[in-house]
Amino acid sequence: CIENRIQFLLKHPHLDFAVFPMSQFKKTPGESNKTWRISDTEENDLDRFLKNDWGLLIGWLTTSPIWRKNTIEQLGGFDESLLDWQDWDLHIRALLQDFKYEKVNVLPDWCYRFDGNDKISRIKNPDNLKLKALSRTKMLGKIIQALSDHKKLSVNRKKLLLIHYYNFCALLITNKFYKEALYVFGEMNGLRIRHTYTYNFLVMKLVAKLVYSFVRGQKSQ
């Protein structure tokens, strides 16, 4: 895997990085023909990452790219202040820099196990969930600023990011972190896309979750 990727970069000196496909499995490598395809759509890669919809296999994971050293140095590496999603943040920053890259259409050269136990919604410790939701909110703010600086913060991309804010806010409300949920909601409003259908719909869902949380709390007393 490593040898082949290095040879690919040596043959393509104009590239800053290259991305390779992977196969996925639950128990044993090779048990499934499912492949994380990185070139099966003409959709913009930056938009694919901003969606971050793992169920639809959007974007690529940490092990898919091979980077040139100077490319990683220009990016500043991973943001170690983040509690998770450091790879998502790194890849978005790379796409914003307009580096030259290629999505290599070959057979998968690595495997990834999906066990479904690494989602934030399944974190059992509520305090850890709160910290991760706030860390991701901080990351979204940084990405929004970067998109704005590169003049790539379109209305459609604001809507994609709005959904992430909604998810974090909803998780905090469900776990009764109302103060933190209010903070995330304030950050969500910072996108300045109020009075759109998407915004109004998500706000209504948050209000419904908030009311349900209060009612359930009253009944449990």
Protein backbone atom coordinates (compact mmCIF):
# COMPACT_ATOMS: atom_id res chain seq x y z
CA CYS A 1 0.00 0.00 0.00
CA ILE A 2 2.59 2.57 1.11
CA GLU A 3 5.07 1.59 -1.60
CA ASN A 4 2.47 1.87 -4.37
CA ARG A 5 1.28 5.25 -3.13
CA ILE A 6 4.82 6.64 -2.95
CA GLN A 7 5.47 5.43 -6.47
CA PHE A 8 2.28 7.14 -7.62
CA LEU A 9 3.40 10.50 -6.20
CA LEU A 10 6.86 10.07 -7.70
CA LYS A 11 5.25 9.56 -11.12
CA HIS A 12 3.01 12.62 -10.60
CA PRO A 13 5.31 15.34 -9.18
CA HIS A 14 2.72 18.07 -9.84
CA LEU A 15 0.34 16.64 -7.21
CA ASP A 16 0.27 17.87 -3.61
CA PHE A 17 -1.59 14.76 -2.44
CA ALA A 18 -3.50 11.77 -3.81
CA VAL A 19 -6.55 9.94 -2.48
CA PHE A 20 -7.05 6.18 -2.65
CA PRO A 21 -10.24 4.11 -2.16
CA MET A 22 -10.89 1.71 0.69
CA SER A 23 -13.10 -1.28 1.43
CA GLN A 24 -15.25 -1.59 4.51
CA PHE A 25 -16.19 -4.51 6.72
CA LYS A 26 -17.80 -5.32 10.05
CA LYS A 27 -16.05 -8.48 11.20
CA THR A 28 -13.60 -9.81 8.61
CA PRO A 29 -11.79 -7.96 5.79
CA GLY A 30 -13.06 -9.08 2.43
CA GLU A 31 -16.47 -10.15 3.74
CA SER A 32 -18.17 -7.41 1.73
CA ASN A 33 -17.80 -5.86 -1.69
CA LYS A 34 -18.65 -2.44 -0.30
CA THR A 35 -16.09 0.14 -1.31
CA TRP A 36 -15.73 3.71 -0.14
CA ARG A 37 -15.77 5.18 -3.61
CA ILE A 38 -14.09 8.55 -3.92
CA SER A 39 -14.77 9.26 -7.58
CA ASP A 40 -18.31 8.03 -8.20
CA THR A 41 -19.84 11.51 -8.21
CA GLU A 42 -19.17 14.84 -9.86
CA GLU A 43 -20.25 16.70 -6.74
CA ASN A 44 -17.69 19.18 -5.42
CA ASP A 45 -15.43 17.47 -2.85
CA LEU A 46 -15.62 20.42 -0.47
CA ASP A 47 -19.41 20.17 -0.43
CA ARG A 48 -19.17 16.42 0.14
CA PHE A 49 -17.06 17.01 3.24
CA LEU A 50 -19.30 19.79 4.54
CA LYS A 51 -22.20 17.35 4.39
CA ASN A 52 -20.19 14.87 6.45
CA ASP A 53 -22.92 12.26 5.99
CA TRP A 54 -21.11 9.03 6.88
CA GLY A 55 -24.21 7.02 6.07
CA LEU A 56 -23.85 8.04 2.42
CA LEU A 57 -20.06 7.61 2.46
CA ILE A 58 -19.25 11.22 1.72
CA GLY A 59 -15.65 12.35 1.32
CA TRP A 60 -12.77 10.14 2.48
CA LEU A 61 -11.14 9.04 5.73
CA THR A 62 -7.74 9.79 7.23
CA THR A 63 -5.92 6.83 5.71
CA SER A 64 -7.11 7.38 2.13
CA PRO A 65 -4.76 10.25 1.16
CA ILE A 66 -1.00 10.23 0.83
CA TRP A 67 0.48 13.70 1.39
CA ARG A 68 3.68 15.38 0.43
CA LYS A 69 5.56 16.59 3.50
CA ASN A 70 5.53 20.23 2.45
CA THR A 71 1.75 20.06 1.89
CA ILE A 72 1.15 18.94 5.49
CA GLU A 73 3.59 21.59 6.71
CA GLN A 74 1.69 24.29 4.84
CA LEU A 75 -1.55 23.09 6.45
CA GLY A 76 0.01 23.08 9.91
CA GLY A 77 -0.97 19.45 10.49
CA PHE A 78 -3.91 18.38 12.63
CA ASP A 79 -5.54 20.83 15.02
CA GLU A 80 -4.74 19.07 18.30
CA SER A 81 -7.01 21.39 20.28
CA LEU A 82 -10.01 19.55 18.82
CA LEU A 83 -11.34 16.52 20.70
CA ASP A 84 -12.32 14.69 17.48
CA TRP A 85 -13.06 15.27 13.79
CA GLN A 86 -9.45 16.45 13.33
CA ASP A 87 -9.30 14.61 9.99
CA TRP A 88 -12.49 16.31 8.75
CA ASP A 89 -11.01 19.68 9.67
CA LEU A 90 -7.69 18.89 7.98
CA HIS A 91 -9.26 17.73 4.73
CA ILE A 92 -11.51 20.78 4.50
CA ARG A 93 -8.54 23.09 5.05
CA ALA A 94 -6.65 21.23 2.33
CA LEU A 95 -9.53 21.60 -0.13
CA LEU A 96 -9.78 25.31 0.66
CA GLN A 97 -6.11 25.77 -0.24
CA ASP A 98 -6.76 24.57 -3.78
CA PHE A 99 -3.95 22.04 -3.64
CA LYS A 100 -3.54 19.85 -6.71
CA TYR A 101 -4.72 16.31 -6.02
CA GLU A 102 -6.08 13.24 -7.76
CA LYS A 103 -8.63 10.66 -6.67
CA VAL A 104 -7.00 7.46 -7.86
CA ASN A 105 -9.34 4.97 -9.51
CA VAL A 106 -7.77 1.66 -8.44
CA LEU A 107 -8.79 -1.29 -6.29
CA PRO A 108 -8.93 -0.46 -2.53
CA ASP A 109 -5.55 -0.75 -0.83
CA TRP A 110 -6.81 -0.64 2.77
CA CYS A 111 -9.79 -1.75 4.87
CA TYR A 112 -11.83 0.01 7.54
CA ARG A 113 -14.11 -1.61 10.12
CA PHE A 114 -17.48 0.02 10.71
CA ASP A 115 -18.84 -1.19 14.03
CA GLY A 116 -21.27 1.69 14.60
CA ASN A 117 -19.99 2.38 18.12
CA ASP A 118 -17.99 5.55 17.48
CA LYS A 119 -20.78 8.04 16.91
CA ILE A 120 -21.17 11.00 19.24
CA SER A 121 -24.83 10.09 19.79
CA ARG A 122 -23.69 6.79 21.37
CA ILE A 123 -21.24 8.29 23.84
CA LYS A 124 -22.41 7.05 27.23
CA ASN A 125 -20.72 9.70 29.39
CA PRO A 126 -22.86 12.88 29.11
CA ASP A 127 -19.96 15.15 30.07
CA ASN A 128 -17.85 13.73 27.24
CA LEU A 129 -20.73 14.27 24.84
CA LYS A 130 -21.01 17.88 25.97
CA LEU A 131 -17.29 18.53 25.52
CA LYS A 132 -17.23 16.95 22.07
CA ALA A 133 -20.31 18.88 20.93
CA LEU A 134 -18.69 22.14 22.06
CA SER A 135 -15.38 21.18 20.43
CA ARG A 136 -17.14 20.52 17.15
CA THR A 137 -18.99 23.82 17.45
CA LYS A 138 -15.66 25.60 17.85
CA MET A 139 -14.35 23.78 14.77
CA LEU A 140 -17.38 24.83 12.73
CA GLY A 141 -16.70 28.45 13.61
CA LYS A 142 -13.13 28.11 12.40
CA ILE A 143 -14.22 26.43 9.16
CA ILE A 144 -16.84 29.12 8.51
CA GLN A 145 -14.18 31.80 8.92
CA ALA A 146 -11.86 29.94 6.54
CA LEU A 147 -14.64 29.55 3.97
CA SER A 148 -15.37 33.26 4.26
CA ASP A 149 -11.68 34.20 3.93
CA HIS A 150 -11.43 32.16 0.72
CA LYS A 151 -14.74 33.62 -0.55
CA LYS A 152 -16.30 30.16 -0.66
CA LEU A 153 -19.06 30.57 1.94
CA SER A 154 -22.12 30.25 -0.27
CA VAL A 155 -25.71 30.12 0.96
CA ASN A 156 -25.87 26.42 0.14
CA ARG A 157 -22.76 25.75 2.24
CA LYS A 158 -24.23 27.76 5.09
CA LYS A 159 -27.24 25.43 4.99
CA LEU A 160 -24.97 22.37 5.12
CA LEU A 161 -23.21 23.77 8.21
CA LEU A 162 -26.54 24.77 9.74
CA ILE A 163 -27.50 21.10 9.95
CA HIS A 164 -24.36 20.33 11.98
CA TYR A 165 -25.20 23.11 14.43
CA TYR A 166 -28.71 21.70 14.73
CA ASN A 167 -27.41 18.19 15.47
CA PHE A 168 -25.06 19.42 18.21
CA CYS A 169 -27.75 21.62 19.73
CA ALA A 170 -30.31 18.79 19.68
CA LEU A 171 -27.87 16.41 21.42
CA LEU A 172 -27.20 18.95 24.16
CA ILE A 173 -30.92 19.55 24.70
CA THR A 174 -31.61 15.80 24.86
CA ASN A 175 -28.96 15.48 27.59
CA LYS A 176 -30.25 18.59 29.44
CA PHE A 177 -27.23 20.79 28.76
CA TYR A 178 -29.47 23.79 28.12
CA LYS A 179 -26.86 26.49 28.71
CA GLU A 180 -24.48 24.88 26.24
CA ALA A 181 -27.32 24.29 23.75
CA LEU A 182 -28.13 28.01 23.91
CA TYR A 183 -24.50 28.79 23.13
CA VAL A 184 -24.53 26.50 20.08
CA PHE A 185 -27.83 28.04 18.97
CA GLY A 186 -26.22 31.48 19.15
CA GLU A 187 -23.36 30.27 16.98
CA MET A 188 -25.90 28.82 14.55
CA ASN A 189 -27.56 32.23 14.25
CA GLY A 190 -24.16 33.65 13.36
CA LEU A 191 -24.56 32.09 9.91
CA ARG A 192 -27.15 34.81 9.21
CA ILE A 193 -29.52 32.75 7.13
CA ARG A 194 -32.65 33.33 9.18
CA HIS A 195 -36.10 33.25 7.64
CA THR A 196 -35.16 30.52 5.21
CA TYR A 197 -37.16 27.31 5.10
CA THR A 198 -34.22 25.23 6.34
CA TYR A 199 -33.54 27.56 9.28
CA ASN A 200 -37.19 27.84 10.35
CA PHE A 201 -37.72 24.09 10.07
CA LEU A 202 -34.68 23.28 12.22
CA VAL A 203 -35.59 25.90 14.83
CA MET A 204 -39.08 24.41 15.11
CA LYS A 205 -37.57 20.97 15.65
CA LEU A 206 -35.27 22.35 18.36
CA VAL A 207 -38.20 24.01 20.14
CA ALA A 208 -40.13 20.75 20.01
CA LYS A 209 -37.15 18.88 21.48
CA LEU A 210 -36.79 21.50 24.21
CA VAL A 211 -40.46 21.27 25.18
CA TYR A 212 -40.34 17.48 25.16
CA SER A 213 -37.22 17.50 27.33
CA PHE A 214 -38.87 19.79 29.90
CA VAL A 215 -42.08 17.74 29.94
CA ARG A 216 -40.17 14.49 30.39
CA GLY A 217 -38.13 16.08 33.17
CA GLN A 218 -41.27 17.19 34.99
CA LYS A 219 -42.79 13.73 34.76
CA SER A 220 -39.68 12.11 36.19
CA GLN A 221 -39.76 14.31 39.31
